[in-house]
């Protein structure tokens, strides 16, 4: 089990409650701990957390994403945390620039990332 914590991308001094973070779990079971405000950049996650306060995701500390692999969820979490801190756009996201859709190995990642971004609406 791997746990990735994105605190280096946010001001943890402002996080005074344990509910300030949410854990996103990949298909492989890797856990990505991210600031809830950053996670809510994804409209889907925001609706799950805020729109269903009395529902199944209201007070949860983790959300499983069995359709999203760890490498792609890692990129998504990096993007959400970076965008939360700097209001950057997708074209400014540095890890995305390193991917070349012409290369077979990167092509799969690019496609999976596009599908995840569409699914998470971010």
C-alpha atoms as a PDB file:
ATOM      1  CA  UNK A   1       0.000   0.000   0.000  1.00  0.00           C
ATOM      2  CA  UNK A   2       1.438   3.342  -1.040  1.00  0.00           C
ATOM      3  CA  UNK A   3       0.374   6.672   0.431  1.00  0.00           C
ATOM      4  CA  UNK A   4       1.243   9.962  -1.247  1.00  0.00           C
ATOM      5  CA  UNK A   5       0.734  13.187   0.651  1.00  0.00           C
ATOM      6  CA  UNK A   6       0.526  16.422  -1.275  1.00  0.00           C
ATOM      7  CA  UNK A   7       1.268  18.752   1.651  1.00  0.00           C
ATOM      8  CA  UNK A   8       4.340  20.172  -0.066  1.00  0.00           C
ATOM      9  CA  UNK A   9       1.981  21.813  -2.519  1.00  0.00           C
ATOM     10  CA  UNK A  10      -0.211  23.510   0.073  1.00  0.00           C
ATOM     11  CA  UNK A  11      -0.031  25.517   3.270  1.00  0.00           C
ATOM     12  CA  UNK A  12      -0.610  22.900   5.960  1.00  0.00           C
ATOM     13  CA  UNK A  13      -0.625  25.534   8.714  1.00  0.00           C
ATOM     14  CA  UNK A  14      -4.139  26.520   7.609  1.00  0.00           C
ATOM     15  CA  UNK A  15      -5.378  22.941   7.940  1.00  0.00           C
ATOM     16  CA  UNK A  16      -6.638  22.841  11.501  1.00  0.00           C
ATOM     17  CA  UNK A  17      -9.125  20.007  11.270  1.00  0.00           C
ATOM     18  CA  UNK A  18      -8.671  16.405  10.222  1.00  0.00           C
ATOM     19  CA  UNK A  19     -11.432  16.881   7.648  1.00  0.00           C
ATOM     20  CA  UNK A  20      -9.257  19.423   5.794  1.00  0.00           C
ATOM     21  CA  UNK A  21      -7.911  16.481   3.780  1.00  0.00           C
ATOM     22  CA  UNK A  22      -9.414  13.756   1.645  1.00  0.00           C
ATOM     23  CA  UNK A  23      -7.780  10.524   0.518  1.00  0.00           C
ATOM     24  CA  UNK A  24      -8.283   9.462  -3.083  1.00  0.00           C
ATOM     25  CA  UNK A  25      -7.657   5.750  -3.637  1.00  0.00           C
ATOM     26  CA  UNK A  26      -6.490   4.423  -7.004  1.00  0.00           C
ATOM     27  CA  UNK A  27      -7.420   1.150  -8.703  1.00  0.00           C
ATOM     28  CA  UNK A  28      -4.259  -0.435  -7.272  1.00  0.00           C
ATOM     29  CA  UNK A  29      -5.036   0.758  -3.739  1.00  0.00           C
ATOM     30  CA  UNK A  30      -2.509   3.614  -3.636  1.00  0.00           C
ATOM     31  CA  UNK A  31      -3.710   6.433  -1.419  1.00  0.00           C
ATOM     32  CA  UNK A  32      -3.295  10.094  -2.334  1.00  0.00           C
ATOM     33  CA  UNK A  33      -3.945  12.524   0.531  1.00  0.00           C
ATOM     34  CA  UNK A  34      -4.936  15.942  -0.765  1.00  0.00           C
ATOM     35  CA  UNK A  35      -6.449  19.125   0.586  1.00  0.00           C
ATOM     36  CA  UNK A  36     -10.255  18.987   0.317  1.00  0.00           C
ATOM     37  CA  UNK A  37     -10.362  22.447  -1.237  1.00  0.00           C
ATOM     38  CA  UNK A  38      -7.953  21.288  -3.957  1.00  0.00           C
ATOM     39  CA  UNK A  39      -9.934  18.080  -4.492  1.00  0.00           C
ATOM     40  CA  UNK A  40     -13.121  20.118  -4.925  1.00  0.00           C
ATOM     41  CA  UNK A  41     -11.693  21.683  -8.089  1.00  0.00           C
ATOM     42  CA  UNK A  42     -13.017  18.455  -9.559  1.00  0.00           C
ATOM     43  CA  UNK A  43     -16.730  19.078  -9.968  1.00  0.00           C
ATOM     44  CA  UNK A  44     -17.464  15.397  -9.437  1.00  0.00           C
ATOM     45  CA  UNK A  45     -15.556  15.216  -6.142  1.00  0.00           C
ATOM     46  CA  UNK A  46     -17.090  18.514  -5.017  1.00  0.00           C
ATOM     47  CA  UNK A  47     -20.596  17.181  -5.647  1.00  0.00           C
ATOM     48  CA  UNK A  48     -19.744  13.972  -3.822  1.00  0.00           C
ATOM     49  CA  UNK A  49     -18.466  15.857  -0.773  1.00  0.00           C
ATOM     50  CA  UNK A  50     -20.668  18.942  -0.637  1.00  0.00           C
ATOM     51  CA  UNK A  51     -23.820  18.007  -2.514  1.00  0.00           C
ATOM     52  CA  UNK A  52     -24.340  14.831  -0.524  1.00  0.00           C
ATOM     53  CA  UNK A  53     -23.568  16.060   2.980  1.00  0.00           C
ATOM     54  CA  UNK A  54     -26.108  13.634   4.390  1.00  0.00           C
ATOM     55  CA  UNK A  55     -25.386  11.009   1.771  1.00  0.00           C
ATOM     56  CA  UNK A  56     -22.752   8.302   1.426  1.00  0.00           C
ATOM     57  CA  UNK A  57     -19.814  10.694   0.838  1.00  0.00           C
ATOM     58  CA  UNK A  58     -20.645  13.514   3.288  1.00  0.00           C
ATOM     59  CA  UNK A  59     -18.217  12.793   6.101  1.00  0.00           C
ATOM     60  CA  UNK A  60     -15.899  10.333   4.431  1.00  0.00           C
ATOM     61  CA  UNK A  61     -12.166  10.622   4.618  1.00  0.00           C
ATOM     62  CA  UNK A  62     -11.460   8.659   1.421  1.00  0.00           C
ATOM     63  CA  UNK A  63     -13.006   8.077  -1.981  1.00  0.00           C
ATOM     64  CA  UNK A  64     -12.095   5.022  -4.073  1.00  0.00           C
ATOM     65  CA  UNK A  65     -11.582   5.397  -7.814  1.00  0.00           C
ATOM     66  CA  UNK A  66     -11.361   1.805  -9.082  1.00  0.00           C
ATOM     67  CA  UNK A  67     -11.329   3.049 -12.691  1.00  0.00           C
ATOM     68  CA  UNK A  68      -8.237   5.270 -12.303  1.00  0.00           C
ATOM     69  CA  UNK A  69      -4.714   3.836 -12.062  1.00  0.00           C
ATOM     70  CA  UNK A  70      -2.116   5.183  -9.631  1.00  0.00           C
ATOM     71  CA  UNK A  71       0.115   6.970 -12.178  1.00  0.00           C
ATOM     72  CA  UNK A  72      -2.862   8.860 -13.593  1.00  0.00           C
ATOM     73  CA  UNK A  73      -4.402   9.640 -10.184  1.00  0.00           C
ATOM     74  CA  UNK A  74      -0.971  10.917  -9.133  1.00  0.00           C
ATOM     75  CA  UNK A  75      -0.993  13.374 -12.063  1.00  0.00           C
ATOM     76  CA  UNK A  76      -4.575  14.390 -11.296  1.00  0.00           C
ATOM     77  CA  UNK A  77      -3.722  15.088  -7.638  1.00  0.00           C
ATOM     78  CA  UNK A  78      -0.636  17.074  -8.637  1.00  0.00           C
ATOM     79  CA  UNK A  79      -2.761  19.131 -11.015  1.00  0.00           C
ATOM     80  CA  UNK A  80      -5.507  19.757  -8.442  1.00  0.00           C
ATOM     81  CA  UNK A  81      -3.004  20.790  -5.757  1.00  0.00           C
ATOM     82  CA  UNK A  82      -1.036  23.019  -8.144  1.00  0.00           C
ATOM     83  CA  UNK A  83      -4.165  24.635  -9.518  1.00  0.00           C
ATOM     84  CA  UNK A  84      -5.500  25.225  -6.005  1.00  0.00           C
ATOM     85  CA  UNK A  85      -2.306  27.055  -5.058  1.00  0.00           C
ATOM     86  CA  UNK A  86      -1.687  29.030  -8.225  1.00  0.00           C
ATOM     87  CA  UNK A  87      -4.903  29.021 -10.259  1.00  0.00           C
ATOM     88  CA  UNK A  88      -2.861  27.639 -13.155  1.00  0.00           C
ATOM     89  CA  UNK A  89      -4.507  26.282 -16.256  1.00  0.00           C
ATOM     90  CA  UNK A  90      -3.961  22.858 -17.768  1.00  0.00           C
ATOM     91  CA  UNK A  91      -1.562  24.295 -20.380  1.00  0.00           C
ATOM     92  CA  UNK A  92       0.692  25.493 -17.556  1.00  0.00           C
ATOM     93  CA  UNK A  93       0.860  22.093 -15.837  1.00  0.00           C
ATOM     94  CA  UNK A  94       4.544  21.101 -16.125  1.00  0.00           C
ATOM     95  CA  UNK A  95       4.229  17.283 -15.871  1.00  0.00           C
ATOM     96  CA  UNK A  96       1.854  17.341 -18.833  1.00  0.00           C
ATOM     97  CA  UNK A  97       4.538  18.936 -20.990  1.00  0.00           C
ATOM     98  CA  UNK A  98       6.814  15.928 -20.503  1.00  0.00           C
ATOM     99  CA  UNK A  99       4.290  13.554 -22.074  1.00  0.00           C
ATOM    100  CA  UNK A 100       4.606  12.959 -25.814  1.00  0.00           C
ATOM    101  CA  UNK A 101       1.464  11.403 -27.321  1.00  0.00           C
ATOM    102  CA  UNK A 102       3.578  10.229 -30.284  1.00  0.00           C
ATOM    103  CA  UNK A 103       5.447   7.798 -28.003  1.00  0.00           C
ATOM    104  CA  UNK A 104       3.605   4.550 -27.333  1.00  0.00           C
ATOM    105  CA  UNK A 105       4.357   4.572 -23.597  1.00  0.00           C
ATOM    106  CA  UNK A 106       3.132   8.144 -23.160  1.00  0.00           C
ATOM    107  CA  UNK A 107       0.129   7.712 -25.447  1.00  0.00           C
ATOM    108  CA  UNK A 108      -1.559   5.347 -22.982  1.00  0.00           C
ATOM    109  CA  UNK A 109      -0.963   7.786 -20.111  1.00  0.00           C
ATOM    110  CA  UNK A 110      -2.310  10.722 -22.140  1.00  0.00           C
ATOM    111  CA  UNK A 111      -5.468   8.808 -23.050  1.00  0.00           C
ATOM    112  CA  UNK A 112      -6.003   7.632 -19.470  1.00  0.00           C
ATOM    113  CA  UNK A 113      -5.421  11.173 -18.190  1.00  0.00           C
ATOM    114  CA  UNK A 114      -7.971  12.593 -20.623  1.00  0.00           C
ATOM    115  CA  UNK A 115     -10.514   9.971 -19.562  1.00  0.00           C
ATOM    116  CA  UNK A 116      -9.863  10.673 -15.861  1.00  0.00           C
ATOM    117  CA  UNK A 117     -10.120  14.455 -16.342  1.00  0.00           C
ATOM    118  CA  UNK A 118     -13.406  13.973 -18.169  1.00  0.00           C
ATOM    119  CA  UNK A 119     -14.713  11.549 -15.519  1.00  0.00           C
ATOM    120  CA  UNK A 120     -13.699  13.854 -12.647  1.00  0.00           C
ATOM    121  CA  UNK A 121     -14.746  16.995 -14.531  1.00  0.00           C
ATOM    122  CA  UNK A 122     -11.595  18.940 -13.822  1.00  0.00           C
END
